[in-house]
Amino acid sequence: MINQNQKKNVLNRLNKIEGQIRGVNRMITEDRYCMDTLTQTRAVVSAIRKVEDLIMQQHLHTCVAVSMRSDNAEDKTEKINEIMDILSKFRQVG
């Protein structure tokens, strides 16, 4: 579970991303230069990846760490499979 400080950090980042998306929308509406628009979309993608990193880090430090310290083999296997699945998806996206 995400702690309150991390939650605030993630929500602040998501609000900034929302603003970036609105900016890209404006750029498209105003027929801005394609390369400038692409530069902004890359910034959005980078910002989203940072949010993913923060959430993954929190998950590893909380849910996964608790599971690995437990005696529940089924839960440990489930957490490992979840991590492997998400890593596989991340690699597909690039």
Protein backbone atom coordinates (compact mmCIF):
# COMPACT_ATOMS: atom_id res chain seq x y z
CA MET A 1 0.00 0.00 0.00
CA ILE A 2 1.31 3.44 -0.90
CA ASN A 3 2.23 5.68 2.06
CA GLN A 4 0.82 9.18 2.38
CA ASN A 5 4.03 11.03 1.43
CA GLN A 6 4.51 8.89 -1.65
CA LYS A 7 0.82 9.23 -2.51
CA LYS A 8 1.11 13.03 -2.36
CA ASN A 9 4.22 12.91 -4.54
CA VAL A 10 2.54 10.68 -7.13
CA LEU A 11 -0.64 12.79 -7.18
CA ASN A 12 1.41 15.98 -7.63
CA ARG A 13 3.24 14.40 -10.55
CA LEU A 14 -0.04 13.23 -12.10
CA ASN A 15 -1.45 16.74 -11.82
CA LYS A 16 1.63 18.09 -13.64
CA ILE A 17 1.21 15.42 -16.31
CA GLU A 18 -2.42 16.44 -16.70
CA GLY A 19 -1.22 20.00 -17.33
CA GLN A 20 1.33 18.75 -19.85
CA ILE A 21 -1.40 16.84 -21.70
CA ARG A 22 -3.52 19.99 -21.84
CA GLY A 23 -0.48 21.80 -23.24
CA VAL A 24 -0.01 19.19 -25.96
CA ASN A 25 -3.71 19.43 -26.75
CA ARG A 26 -3.32 23.20 -27.14
CA MET A 27 -0.29 22.71 -29.37
CA ILE A 28 -2.28 20.44 -31.67
CA THR A 29 -5.23 22.85 -31.70
CA GLU A 30 -2.91 25.75 -32.55
CA ASP A 31 -1.14 23.77 -35.32
CA ARG A 32 2.23 24.14 -33.60
CA TYR A 33 5.38 22.76 -35.18
CA CYS A 34 5.31 18.95 -35.12
CA MET A 35 8.79 18.54 -33.64
CA ASP A 36 7.93 20.86 -30.74
CA THR A 37 4.78 18.83 -30.10
CA LEU A 38 6.74 15.57 -30.23
CA THR A 39 9.23 16.97 -27.74
CA GLN A 40 6.36 17.64 -25.35
CA THR A 41 4.83 14.19 -25.84
CA ARG A 42 8.22 12.64 -24.97
CA ALA A 43 8.24 14.72 -21.78
CA VAL A 44 4.80 13.33 -20.90
CA VAL A 45 5.96 9.76 -21.50
CA SER A 46 9.04 10.36 -19.35
CA ALA A 47 6.91 11.81 -16.56
CA ILE A 48 4.53 8.84 -16.66
CA ARG A 49 7.47 6.44 -16.48
CA LYS A 50 8.71 8.25 -13.39
CA VAL A 51 5.28 7.76 -11.78
CA GLU A 52 5.49 4.06 -12.68
CA ASP A 53 8.91 3.89 -11.04
CA LEU A 54 7.65 5.50 -7.84
CA ILE A 55 4.67 3.16 -7.62
CA MET A 56 6.81 0.10 -8.34
CA GLN A 57 9.37 1.15 -5.74
CA GLN A 58 6.63 1.59 -3.15
CA HIS A 59 5.11 -1.78 -4.07
CA LEU A 60 8.47 -3.52 -3.70
CA HIS A 61 9.14 -1.86 -0.34
CA THR A 62 5.71 -2.67 1.05
CA CYS A 63 3.57 -5.41 -0.49
CA VAL A 64 6.42 -7.49 -1.88
CA ALA A 65 8.70 -7.05 1.14
CA VAL A 66 5.92 -8.08 3.54
CA SER A 67 5.12 -11.09 1.39
CA MET A 68 8.75 -12.23 1.19
CA ARG A 69 9.10 -12.04 4.98
CA SER A 70 5.97 -14.12 5.51
CA ASP A 71 5.70 -17.88 5.68
CA ASN A 72 3.05 -17.90 2.95
CA ALA A 73 4.67 -19.60 -0.04
CA GLU A 74 1.59 -19.07 -2.21
CA ASP A 75 1.64 -15.31 -1.58
CA LYS A 76 5.38 -15.15 -2.33
CA THR A 77 4.85 -16.95 -5.63
CA GLU A 78 1.95 -14.64 -6.49
CA LYS A 79 4.07 -11.52 -5.86
CA ILE A 80 6.95 -12.88 -7.93
CA ASN A 81 4.56 -13.69 -10.79
CA GLU A 82 3.05 -10.19 -10.60
CA ILE A 83 6.48 -8.58 -10.86
CA MET A 84 7.49 -10.84 -13.76
CA ASP A 85 4.24 -10.08 -15.59
CA ILE A 86 4.62 -6.32 -15.25
CA LEU A 87 8.29 -6.43 -16.26
CA SER A 88 7.32 -8.40 -19.34
CA LYS A 89 4.69 -5.77 -20.22
CA PHE A 90 7.19 -2.94 -19.70
CA ARG A 91 9.68 -4.61 -22.04
CA GLN A 92 7.02 -4.96 -24.74
CA VAL A 93 6.24 -1.24 -24.63
CA GLY A 94 9.88 -0.20 -24.65
